Amino acid sequence: MVAHLGLPRSGTTLIARHIGAHSRIAPLIEPYQAQKQSDYKQTQLEQLCVDFNISVPSAGGILIKETATRPINIDLTLQTLRLAAEAGYPTGIILQLRSPIEALYSQVEAAQVYWRGGKPVLNAQGRLQGFWHKMEAFYNIIQSQIYRFPLRVCIFHRFLVNPRYELSRLMAFFPLELEATQFDIEVAEKKMHNRGQSTTDRLWPSYGDPKAWDKSKPVSLNSVADRTRQVAQFRTTFGEHPLGLRMLRLHNCVTNLQNAALFDDDEIAARFFLEFGELSDL
């Protein structure tokens, strides 16, 4: 079992769909977020698979993808991971990293354009504060647990620049070789939606964000929005705000990591959480 965890709009949906398109991977997308209304809290892996009608292929694995929309989503996923490890299952974490400013603007745009209608704007300090506290809670949870499991760090920008290499690196985590069909969007979509009826008639997984990326284009930097101008706008608007300064430092940290000749996952995570820890202490 591998847990794929990240901030909302950090690229988890895109990457989870490509991982989940493998013939030997059973993807389970946001089970706890999808069932938040029913207060679903099952953490036994076998029962989780039964509840969501998930069948793990022979010599394969299961990918559980959750985002930090609610801290409890991450807590429950990590608890499931711990129990699976105690039961003798191979386990691991894929930590998704993206500039928090890019993720924030993507979230604002999705909420106001794709989901509710309206023009995407970010001018309220309350929204910034809410995003920071949610992000801070997520990284605090992850930092306390991440080194208990084998780790891969997936930086969203790196995946877009070289998707085949990055996906191969992630698949080796299972360990499985890359399949050509994993870059076939139709295969990924079909596999995500082809679920039999659940045993409880109520538990249905999420399919992730339907507007996560432009499916008409091959996965690349051109398949997602360029946030360069919005980052500059953020710097102008919030550059003097204490939380704005923290966000900018974390943005610079992720940017430096994605551009550095650094490929050791533990080292990348250590550098990121060192910066994050210093910001949290401010």
C-alpha atoms as a PDB file:
ATOM      1  CA  MET A   1       0.000   0.000   0.000  1.00  0.00           C
ATOM      2  CA  VAL A   2       1.278   3.421  -0.972  1.00  0.00           C
ATOM      3  CA  ALA A   3      -0.268   6.662   0.324  1.00  0.00           C
ATOM      4  CA  HIS A   4      -0.113   9.614  -2.072  1.00  0.00           C
ATOM      5  CA  LEU A   5      -0.485  12.825  -0.044  1.00  0.00           C
ATOM      6  CA  GLY A   6      -0.391  16.513  -0.886  1.00  0.00           C
ATOM      7  CA  LEU A   7      -2.069  19.885  -0.686  1.00  0.00           C
ATOM      8  CA  PRO A   8      -5.242  20.448  -2.717  1.00  0.00           C
ATOM      9  CA  ARG A   9      -4.341  21.476  -6.289  1.00  0.00           C
ATOM     10  CA  SER A  10      -0.762  20.282  -5.903  1.00  0.00           C
ATOM     11  CA  GLY A  11      -0.998  17.787  -8.777  1.00  0.00           C
ATOM     12  CA  THR A  12      -2.083  14.707  -6.846  1.00  0.00           C
ATOM     13  CA  THR A  13      -5.054  13.952  -9.116  1.00  0.00           C
ATOM     14  CA  LEU A  14      -3.026  14.055 -12.322  1.00  0.00           C
ATOM     15  CA  ILE A  15      -0.242  11.873 -10.987  1.00  0.00           C
ATOM     16  CA  ALA A  16      -2.504   9.442  -9.126  1.00  0.00           C
ATOM     17  CA  ARG A  17      -4.424   8.785 -12.327  1.00  0.00           C
ATOM     18  CA  HIS A  18      -1.261   7.930 -14.213  1.00  0.00           C
ATOM     19  CA  ILE A  19      -0.081   5.643 -11.416  1.00  0.00           C
ATOM     20  CA  GLY A  20      -3.544   4.100 -11.100  1.00  0.00           C
ATOM     21  CA  ALA A  21      -3.731   3.351 -14.838  1.00  0.00           C
ATOM     22  CA  HIS A  22      -1.163   0.561 -14.324  1.00  0.00           C
ATOM     23  CA  SER A  23      -2.712  -2.877 -14.786  1.00  0.00           C
ATOM     24  CA  ARG A  24      -1.476  -4.036 -11.374  1.00  0.00           C
ATOM     25  CA  ILE A  25      -2.426  -0.975  -9.341  1.00  0.00           C
ATOM     26  CA  ALA A  26      -5.772  -0.561  -7.612  1.00  0.00           C
ATOM     27  CA  PRO A  27      -6.329   3.189  -7.112  1.00  0.00           C
ATOM     28  CA  LEU A  28      -8.516   4.503  -4.317  1.00  0.00           C
ATOM     29  CA  ILE A  29      -8.963   8.253  -4.693  1.00  0.00           C
ATOM     30  CA  GLU A  30      -9.829  10.345  -1.637  1.00  0.00           C
ATOM     31  CA  PRO A  31     -11.927   7.751   0.238  1.00  0.00           C
ATOM     32  CA  TYR A  32     -12.147   9.827   3.408  1.00  0.00           C
ATOM     33  CA  GLN A  33     -12.856  13.142   1.701  1.00  0.00           C
ATOM     34  CA  ALA A  34     -15.474  11.541  -0.542  1.00  0.00           C
ATOM     35  CA  GLN A  35     -17.274  10.087   2.487  1.00  0.00           C
ATOM     36  CA  LYS A  36     -16.938  13.022   4.871  1.00  0.00           C
ATOM     37  CA  GLN A  37     -20.708  13.373   5.189  1.00  0.00           C
ATOM     38  CA  SER A  38     -21.003   9.834   6.541  1.00  0.00           C
ATOM     39  CA  ASP A  39     -18.018  10.325   8.883  1.00  0.00           C
ATOM     40  CA  TYR A  40     -16.288   7.294   7.385  1.00  0.00           C
ATOM     41  CA  LYS A  41     -13.220   6.331   9.449  1.00  0.00           C
ATOM     42  CA  GLN A  42     -12.330   2.776   8.494  1.00  0.00           C
ATOM     43  CA  THR A  43      -8.564   2.221   8.719  1.00  0.00           C
ATOM     44  CA  GLN A  44      -8.294  -1.549   8.280  1.00  0.00           C
ATOM     45  CA  LEU A  45      -6.979  -1.985   4.753  1.00  0.00           C
ATOM     46  CA  GLU A  46      -8.872  -5.215   4.022  1.00  0.00           C
ATOM     47  CA  GLN A  47     -12.199  -3.721   5.111  1.00  0.00           C
ATOM     48  CA  LEU A  48     -11.463  -0.500   3.243  1.00  0.00           C
ATOM     49  CA  CYS A  49     -11.060  -2.507   0.041  1.00  0.00           C
ATOM     50  CA  VAL A  50     -14.299  -4.385   0.723  1.00  0.00           C
ATOM     51  CA  ASP A  51     -16.219  -1.195   1.449  1.00  0.00           C
ATOM     52  CA  PHE A  52     -15.104   0.450  -1.775  1.00  0.00           C
ATOM     53  CA  ASN A  53     -15.173  -2.743  -3.846  1.00  0.00           C
ATOM     54  CA  ILE A  54     -11.447  -2.556  -4.533  1.00  0.00           C
ATOM     55  CA  SER A  55      -9.749  -5.674  -5.847  1.00  0.00           C
ATOM     56  CA  VAL A  56      -5.956  -5.608  -5.693  1.00  0.00           C
ATOM     57  CA  PRO A  57      -4.399  -7.389  -8.709  1.00  0.00           C
ATOM     58  CA  SER A  58      -2.034 -10.299  -8.152  1.00  0.00           C
ATOM     59  CA  ALA A  59       1.540  -9.135  -7.481  1.00  0.00           C
ATOM     60  CA  GLY A  60       0.215  -5.590  -7.497  1.00  0.00           C
ATOM     61  CA  GLY A  61      -0.522  -2.846  -5.025  1.00  0.00           C
ATOM     62  CA  ILE A  62      -3.036  -0.281  -3.867  1.00  0.00           C
ATOM     63  CA  LEU A  63      -2.628   3.481  -4.118  1.00  0.00           C
ATOM     64  CA  ILE A  64      -4.623   5.618  -1.688  1.00  0.00           C
ATOM     65  CA  LYS A  65      -4.624   9.272  -2.670  1.00  0.00           C
ATOM     66  CA  GLU A  66      -5.764  11.935  -0.223  1.00  0.00           C
ATOM     67  CA  THR A  67      -5.312  15.682   0.027  1.00  0.00           C
ATOM     68  CA  ALA A  68      -5.157  18.046   2.981  1.00  0.00           C
ATOM     69  CA  THR A  69      -8.658  19.397   2.410  1.00  0.00           C
ATOM     70  CA  ARG A  70      -9.267  18.181   5.968  1.00  0.00           C
ATOM     71  CA  PRO A  71      -6.486  17.218   8.413  1.00  0.00           C
ATOM     72  CA  ILE A  72      -8.452  14.116   9.392  1.00  0.00           C
ATOM     73  CA  ASN A  73      -8.102  12.821   5.812  1.00  0.00           C
ATOM     74  CA  ILE A  74      -4.346  12.662   6.323  1.00  0.00           C
ATOM     75  CA  ASP A  75      -4.592  11.280   9.869  1.00  0.00           C
ATOM     76  CA  LEU A  76      -6.846   8.427   8.737  1.00  0.00           C
ATOM     77  CA  THR A  77      -4.705   7.616   5.699  1.00  0.00           C
ATOM     78  CA  LEU A  78      -1.547   7.461   7.806  1.00  0.00           C
ATOM     79  CA  GLN A  79      -3.315   5.320  10.383  1.00  0.00           C
ATOM     80  CA  THR A  80      -4.354   2.938   7.591  1.00  0.00           C
ATOM     81  CA  LEU A  81      -0.741   2.894   6.429  1.00  0.00           C
ATOM     82  CA  ARG A  82       0.573   2.112   9.919  1.00  0.00           C
ATOM     83  CA  LEU A  83      -1.886  -0.729  10.424  1.00  0.00           C
ATOM     84  CA  ALA A  84      -1.050  -2.152   6.997  1.00  0.00           C
ATOM     85  CA  ALA A  85       2.662  -2.053   7.839  1.00  0.00           C
ATOM     86  CA  GLU A  86       2.007  -3.785  11.179  1.00  0.00           C
ATOM     87  CA  ALA A  87       0.064  -6.473   9.287  1.00  0.00           C
ATOM     88  CA  GLY A  88       3.124  -7.130   7.139  1.00  0.00           C
ATOM     89  CA  TYR A  89       2.165  -5.288   3.953  1.00  0.00           C
ATOM     90  CA  PRO A  90       4.856  -3.311   2.138  1.00  0.00           C
ATOM     91  CA  THR A  91       4.030   0.364   2.575  1.00  0.00           C
ATOM     92  CA  GLY A  92       5.278   3.762   1.533  1.00  0.00           C
ATOM     93  CA  ILE A  93       4.456   7.447   1.086  1.00  0.00           C
ATOM     94  CA  ILE A  94       4.552   9.629  -1.995  1.00  0.00           C
ATOM     95  CA  LEU A  95       4.733  13.233  -0.807  1.00  0.00           C
ATOM     96  CA  GLN A  96       3.527  15.686  -3.437  1.00  0.00           C
ATOM     97  CA  LEU A  97       5.209  19.104  -3.428  1.00  0.00           C
ATOM     98  CA  ARG A  98       4.198  22.210  -5.324  1.00  0.00           C
ATOM     99  CA  SER A  99       4.721  25.911  -4.710  1.00  0.00           C
ATOM    100  CA  PRO A 100       2.076  26.824  -2.127  1.00  0.00           C
ATOM    101  CA  ILE A 101       1.389  30.070  -3.980  1.00  0.00           C
ATOM    102  CA  GLU A 102       0.718  28.227  -7.235  1.00  0.00           C
ATOM    103  CA  ALA A 103      -1.484  25.734  -5.382  1.00  0.00           C
ATOM    104  CA  LEU A 104      -3.372  28.578  -3.700  1.00  0.00           C
ATOM    105  CA  TYR A 105      -4.097  30.436  -6.936  1.00  0.00           C
ATOM    106  CA  SER A 106      -5.089  27.186  -8.611  1.00  0.00           C
ATOM    107  CA  GLN A 107      -7.482  26.505  -5.728  1.00  0.00           C
ATOM    108  CA  VAL A 108      -8.989  29.989  -5.920  1.00  0.00           C
ATOM    109  CA  GLU A 109      -9.441  29.652  -9.665  1.00  0.00           C
ATOM    110  CA  ALA A 110     -11.036  26.231  -9.379  1.00  0.00           C
ATOM    111  CA  ALA A 111     -13.428  27.363  -6.655  1.00  0.00           C
ATOM    112  CA  GLN A 112     -14.548  30.538  -8.388  1.00  0.00           C
ATOM    113  CA  VAL A 113     -14.389  29.629 -12.071  1.00  0.00           C
ATOM    114  CA  TYR A 114     -14.886  25.890 -12.432  1.00  0.00           C
ATOM    115  CA  TRP A 115     -17.139  25.185  -9.484  1.00  0.00           C
ATOM    116  CA  ARG A 116     -19.069  28.298  -8.463  1.00  0.00           C
ATOM    117  CA  GLY A 117     -18.637  30.771 -11.311  1.00  0.00           C
ATOM    118  CA  GLY A 118     -17.100  34.203 -11.134  1.00  0.00           C
ATOM    119  CA  LYS A 119     -13.719  35.812 -11.623  1.00  0.00           C
ATOM    120  CA  PRO A 120     -10.772  34.317  -9.718  1.00  0.00           C
ATOM    121  CA  VAL A 121      -9.404  36.843  -7.247  1.00  0.00           C
ATOM    122  CA  LEU A 122      -7.188  36.687  -4.198  1.00  0.00           C
ATOM    123  CA  ASN A 123      -7.318  39.858  -2.179  1.00  0.00           C
ATOM    124  CA  ALA A 124      -8.570  38.817   1.241  1.00  0.00           C
ATOM    125  CA  GLN A 125      -6.090  38.181   4.032  1.00  0.00           C
ATOM    126  CA  GLY A 126      -8.626  35.826   5.598  1.00  0.00           C
ATOM    127  CA  ARG A 127      -8.288  33.446   2.647  1.00  0.00           C
ATOM    128  CA  LEU A 128      -4.512  33.586   2.923  1.00  0.00           C
ATOM    129  CA  GLN A 129      -4.666  32.871   6.641  1.00  0.00           C
ATOM    130  CA  GLY A 130      -7.046  29.952   6.150  1.00  0.00           C
ATOM    131  CA  PHE A 131      -4.824  28.422   3.484  1.00  0.00           C
ATOM    132  CA  TRP A 132      -1.686  28.801   5.591  1.00  0.00           C
ATOM    133  CA  HIS A 133      -3.221  27.193   8.676  1.00  0.00           C
ATOM    134  CA  LYS A 134      -4.529  24.254   6.637  1.00  0.00           C
ATOM    135  CA  MET A 135      -1.134  23.827   4.985  1.00  0.00           C
ATOM    136  CA  GLU A 136       0.669  24.144   8.316  1.00  0.00           C
ATOM    137  CA  ALA A 137      -1.537  21.456   9.886  1.00  0.00           C
ATOM    138  CA  PHE A 138      -0.867  19.131   6.927  1.00  0.00           C
ATOM    139  CA  TYR A 139       2.905  19.480   6.992  1.00  0.00           C
ATOM    140  CA  ASN A 140       3.031  19.125  10.773  1.00  0.00           C
ATOM    141  CA  ILE A 141       1.190  15.804  10.509  1.00  0.00           C
ATOM    142  CA  ILE A 142       3.381  14.615   7.646  1.00  0.00           C
ATOM    143  CA  GLN A 143       6.620  15.686   9.300  1.00  0.00           C
ATOM    144  CA  SER A 144       5.803  13.680  12.422  1.00  0.00           C
ATOM    145  CA  GLN A 145       5.144  10.468  10.466  1.00  0.00           C
ATOM    146  CA  ILE A 146       6.951  10.587   7.159  1.00  0.00           C
ATOM    147  CA  TYR A 147      10.222   8.937   8.142  1.00  0.00           C
ATOM    148  CA  ARG A 148       8.451   5.866   9.517  1.00  0.00           C
ATOM    149  CA  PHE A 149       7.870   4.684   5.944  1.00  0.00           C
ATOM    150  CA  PRO A 150       9.818   4.421   2.705  1.00  0.00           C
ATOM    151  CA  LEU A 151       9.499   7.750   0.918  1.00  0.00           C
ATOM    152  CA  ARG A 152       9.276   9.241  -2.540  1.00  0.00           C
ATOM    153  CA  VAL A 153       8.973  12.986  -3.077  1.00  0.00           C
ATOM    154  CA  CYS A 154       7.213  14.052  -6.265  1.00  0.00           C
ATOM    155  CA  ILE A 155       7.725  17.711  -7.150  1.00  0.00           C
ATOM    156  CA  PHE A 156       4.929  18.722  -9.507  1.00  0.00           C
ATOM    157  CA  HIS A 157       7.118  20.857 -11.767  1.00  0.00           C
ATOM    158  CA  ARG A 158       9.603  18.019 -12.232  1.00  0.00           C
ATOM    159  CA  PHE A 159       6.800  15.657 -13.197  1.00  0.00           C
ATOM    160  CA  LEU A 160       5.573  18.072 -15.860  1.00  0.00           C
ATOM    161  CA  VAL A 161       9.083  18.559 -17.260  1.00  0.00           C
ATOM    162  CA  ASN A 162       9.900  14.848 -17.470  1.00  0.00           C
ATOM    163  CA  PRO A 163       6.744  12.812 -16.815  1.00  0.00           C
ATOM    164  CA  ARG A 164       8.065   9.499 -18.094  1.00  0.00           C
ATOM    165  CA  TYR A 165      11.144   9.558 -15.879  1.00  0.00           C
ATOM    166  CA  GLU A 166       9.229  10.713 -12.807  1.00  0.00           C
ATOM    167  CA  LEU A 167       6.451   8.171 -13.279  1.00  0.00           C
ATOM    168  CA  SER A 168       9.004   5.390 -13.762  1.00  0.00           C
ATOM    169  CA  ARG A 169      10.650   6.461 -10.521  1.00  0.00           C
ATOM    170  CA  LEU A 170       7.333   6.363  -8.688  1.00  0.00           C
ATOM    171  CA  MET A 171       6.363   2.985 -10.154  1.00  0.00           C
ATOM    172  CA  ALA A 172       9.654   1.500  -8.948  1.00  0.00           C
ATOM    173  CA  PHE A 173       8.328   2.199  -5.459  1.00  0.00           C
ATOM    174  CA  PHE A 174       5.758  -0.613  -5.802  1.00  0.00           C
ATOM    175  CA  PRO A 175       7.958  -2.083  -7.521  1.00  0.00           C
ATOM    176  CA  LEU A 176       6.495  -2.233 -11.030  1.00  0.00           C
ATOM    177  CA  GLU A 177       7.707  -1.265 -14.473  1.00  0.00           C
ATOM    178  CA  LEU A 178       6.095   1.554 -16.410  1.00  0.00           C
ATOM    179  CA  GLU A 179       3.364   0.542 -18.876  1.00  0.00           C
ATOM    180  CA  ALA A 180       2.664   2.452 -22.088  1.00  0.00           C
ATOM    181  CA  THR A 181      -1.053   2.700 -21.258  1.00  0.00           C
ATOM    182  CA  GLN A 182      -0.302   4.774 -18.170  1.00  0.00           C
ATOM    183  CA  PHE A 183      -0.070   7.868 -20.390  1.00  0.00           C
ATOM    184  CA  ASP A 184      -3.356   7.050 -22.105  1.00  0.00           C
ATOM    185  CA  ILE A 185      -5.928   9.416 -20.565  1.00  0.00           C
ATOM    186  CA  GLU A 186      -8.852   7.272 -21.735  1.00  0.00           C
ATOM    187  CA  VAL A 187      -7.418   4.233 -19.960  1.00  0.00           C
ATOM    188  CA  ALA A 188      -6.881   6.227 -16.780  1.00  0.00           C
ATOM    189  CA  GLU A 189     -10.381   7.709 -16.887  1.00  0.00           C
ATOM    190  CA  LYS A 190     -12.011   4.356 -17.569  1.00  0.00           C
ATOM    191  CA  LYS A 191     -10.184   2.638 -14.747  1.00  0.00           C
ATOM    192  CA  MET A 192     -11.081   5.378 -12.275  1.00  0.00           C
ATOM    193  CA  HIS A 193     -14.784   5.206 -13.140  1.00  0.00           C
ATOM    194  CA  ASN A 194     -15.204   1.456 -13.625  1.00  0.00           C
ATOM    195  CA  ARG A 195     -16.194   0.496 -10.111  1.00  0.00           C
ATOM    196  CA  GLY A 196     -18.727  -2.149  -9.282  1.00  0.00           C
ATOM    197  CA  GLN A 197     -21.476  -1.453  -6.771  1.00  0.00           C
ATOM    198  CA  SER A 198     -20.088  -1.033  -3.276  1.00  0.00           C
ATOM    199  CA  THR A 199     -21.030  -3.545  -0.612  1.00  0.00           C
ATOM    200  CA  THR A 200     -22.736  -0.876   1.479  1.00  0.00           C
ATOM    201  CA  ASP A 201     -24.536   0.982  -1.339  1.00  0.00           C
ATOM    202  CA  ARG A 202     -23.096   4.194   0.014  1.00  0.00           C
ATOM    203  CA  LEU A 203     -19.327   4.167  -0.257  1.00  0.00           C
ATOM    204  CA  TRP A 204     -18.078   5.569  -3.523  1.00  0.00           C
ATOM    205  CA  PRO A 205     -14.579   6.930  -4.001  1.00  0.00           C
ATOM    206  CA  SER A 206     -13.879  10.329  -5.420  1.00  0.00           C
ATOM    207  CA  TYR A 207     -12.429  10.673  -8.908  1.00  0.00           C
ATOM    208  CA  GLY A 208     -10.319  13.653  -7.934  1.00  0.00           C
ATOM    209  CA  ASP A 209     -10.563  17.119  -9.390  1.00  0.00           C
ATOM    210  CA  PRO A 210     -12.093  16.936 -12.899  1.00  0.00           C
ATOM    211  CA  LYS A 211     -10.397  20.215 -13.873  1.00  0.00           C
ATOM    212  CA  ALA A 212      -6.957  19.342 -12.519  1.00  0.00           C
ATOM    213  CA  TRP A 213      -5.267  19.653 -15.904  1.00  0.00           C
ATOM    214  CA  ASP A 214      -5.956  20.097 -19.605  1.00  0.00           C
ATOM    215  CA  LYS A 215      -6.631  16.557 -20.822  1.00  0.00           C
ATOM    216  CA  SER A 216      -6.451  17.650 -24.472  1.00  0.00           C
ATOM    217  CA  LYS A 217      -2.683  18.149 -24.143  1.00  0.00           C
ATOM    218  CA  PRO A 218       0.119  15.693 -23.348  1.00  0.00           C
ATOM    219  CA  VAL A 219       1.392  16.002 -19.782  1.00  0.00           C
ATOM    220  CA  SER A 220       3.886  18.863 -19.823  1.00  0.00           C
ATOM    221  CA  LEU A 221       4.337  22.401 -18.550  1.00  0.00           C
ATOM    222  CA  ASN A 222       1.792  23.429 -21.207  1.00  0.00           C
ATOM    223  CA  SER A 223      -0.954  21.213 -19.768  1.00  0.00           C
ATOM    224  CA  VAL A 224      -1.359  23.372 -16.645  1.00  0.00           C
ATOM    225  CA  ALA A 225      -1.758  27.113 -16.201  1.00  0.00           C
ATOM    226  CA  ASP A 226       1.381  29.268 -16.019  1.00  0.00           C
ATOM    227  CA  ARG A 227       1.280  30.906 -12.578  1.00  0.00           C
ATOM    228  CA  THR A 228       4.299  33.214 -13.044  1.00  0.00           C
ATOM    229  CA  ARG A 229       2.252  36.408 -13.196  1.00  0.00           C
ATOM    230  CA  GLN A 230       0.122  35.337 -10.249  1.00  0.00           C
ATOM    231  CA  VAL A 231       3.206  34.675  -8.134  1.00  0.00           C
ATOM    232  CA  ALA A 232       4.403  38.206  -8.998  1.00  0.00           C
ATOM    233  CA  GLN A 233       0.955  39.544  -8.115  1.00  0.00           C
ATOM    234  CA  PHE A 234       1.086  37.704  -4.798  1.00  0.00           C
ATOM    235  CA  ARG A 235       4.484  39.212  -4.073  1.00  0.00           C
ATOM    236  CA  THR A 236       3.091  42.708  -4.686  1.00  0.00           C
ATOM    237  CA  THR A 237      -0.119  42.165  -2.715  1.00  0.00           C
ATOM    238  CA  PHE A 238       1.144  40.145   0.241  1.00  0.00           C
ATOM    239  CA  GLY A 239       4.896  40.753   0.219  1.00  0.00           C
ATOM    240  CA  GLU A 240       4.736  42.751   3.448  1.00  0.00           C
ATOM    241  CA  HIS A 241       2.245  40.468   5.204  1.00  0.00           C
ATOM    242  CA  PRO A 242       3.830  38.009   7.713  1.00  0.00           C
ATOM    243  CA  LEU A 243       2.049  34.999   6.199  1.00  0.00           C
ATOM    244  CA  GLY A 244       2.768  36.291   2.708  1.00  0.00           C
ATOM    245  CA  LEU A 245       6.480  36.374   3.507  1.00  0.00           C
ATOM    246  CA  ARG A 246       6.306  32.791   4.785  1.00  0.00           C
ATOM    247  CA  MET A 247       4.494  31.654   1.658  1.00  0.00           C
ATOM    248  CA  LEU A 248       7.097  33.350  -0.519  1.00  0.00           C
ATOM    249  CA  ARG A 249       9.940  31.669   1.345  1.00  0.00           C
ATOM    250  CA  LEU A 250       8.284  28.284   0.937  1.00  0.00           C
ATOM    251  CA  HIS A 251       7.647  29.043  -2.734  1.00  0.00           C
ATOM    252  CA  ASN A 252      11.355  29.833  -3.158  1.00  0.00           C
ATOM    253  CA  CYS A 253      12.285  26.640  -1.305  1.00  0.00           C
ATOM    254  CA  VAL A 254      10.188  24.425  -3.604  1.00  0.00           C
ATOM    255  CA  THR A 255      11.448  26.306  -6.679  1.00  0.00           C
ATOM    256  CA  ASN A 256      15.071  25.797  -5.599  1.00  0.00           C
ATOM    257  CA  LEU A 257      14.481  22.103  -4.905  1.00  0.00           C
ATOM    258  CA  GLN A 258      12.807  21.483  -8.268  1.00  0.00           C
ATOM    259  CA  ASN A 259      15.702  23.152 -10.098  1.00  0.00           C
ATOM    260  CA  ALA A 260      18.529  21.652  -8.049  1.00  0.00           C
ATOM    261  CA  ALA A 261      20.555  18.622  -9.143  1.00  0.00           C
ATOM    262  CA  LEU A 262      19.205  16.795  -6.121  1.00  0.00           C
ATOM    263  CA  PHE A 263      17.442  13.459  -6.477  1.00  0.00           C
ATOM    264  CA  ASP A 264      17.627  11.817  -3.064  1.00  0.00           C
ATOM    265  CA  ASP A 265      14.066  11.796  -1.716  1.00  0.00           C
ATOM    266  CA  ASP A 266      15.052  11.870   1.945  1.00  0.00           C
ATOM    267  CA  GLU A 267      17.390  14.808   1.340  1.00  0.00           C
ATOM    268  CA  ILE A 268      14.714  16.739  -0.566  1.00  0.00           C
ATOM    269  CA  ALA A 269      12.223  16.140   2.248  1.00  0.00           C
ATOM    270  CA  ALA A 270      14.800  17.098   4.889  1.00  0.00           C
ATOM    271  CA  ARG A 271      15.571  20.407   3.183  1.00  0.00           C
ATOM    272  CA  PHE A 272      11.912  21.202   2.681  1.00  0.00           C
ATOM    273  CA  PHE A 273      10.944  20.487   6.282  1.00  0.00           C
ATOM    274  CA  LEU A 274      13.960  22.375   7.587  1.00  0.00           C
ATOM    275  CA  GLU A 275      12.685  25.478   5.807  1.00  0.00           C
ATOM    276  CA  PHE A 276       9.112  24.788   6.866  1.00  0.00           C
ATOM    277  CA  GLY A 277      10.178  24.331  10.497  1.00  0.00           C
ATOM    278  CA  GLU A 278      12.008  27.650  10.514  1.00  0.00           C
ATOM    279  CA  LEU A 279       8.927  29.400   9.133  1.00  0.00           C
ATOM    280  CA  SER A 280       6.638  27.795  11.686  1.00  0.00           C
ATOM    281  CA  ASP A 281       8.879  29.073  14.490  1.00  0.00           C
ATOM    282  CA  LEU A 282       8.645  32.691  13.309  1.00  0.00           C
END
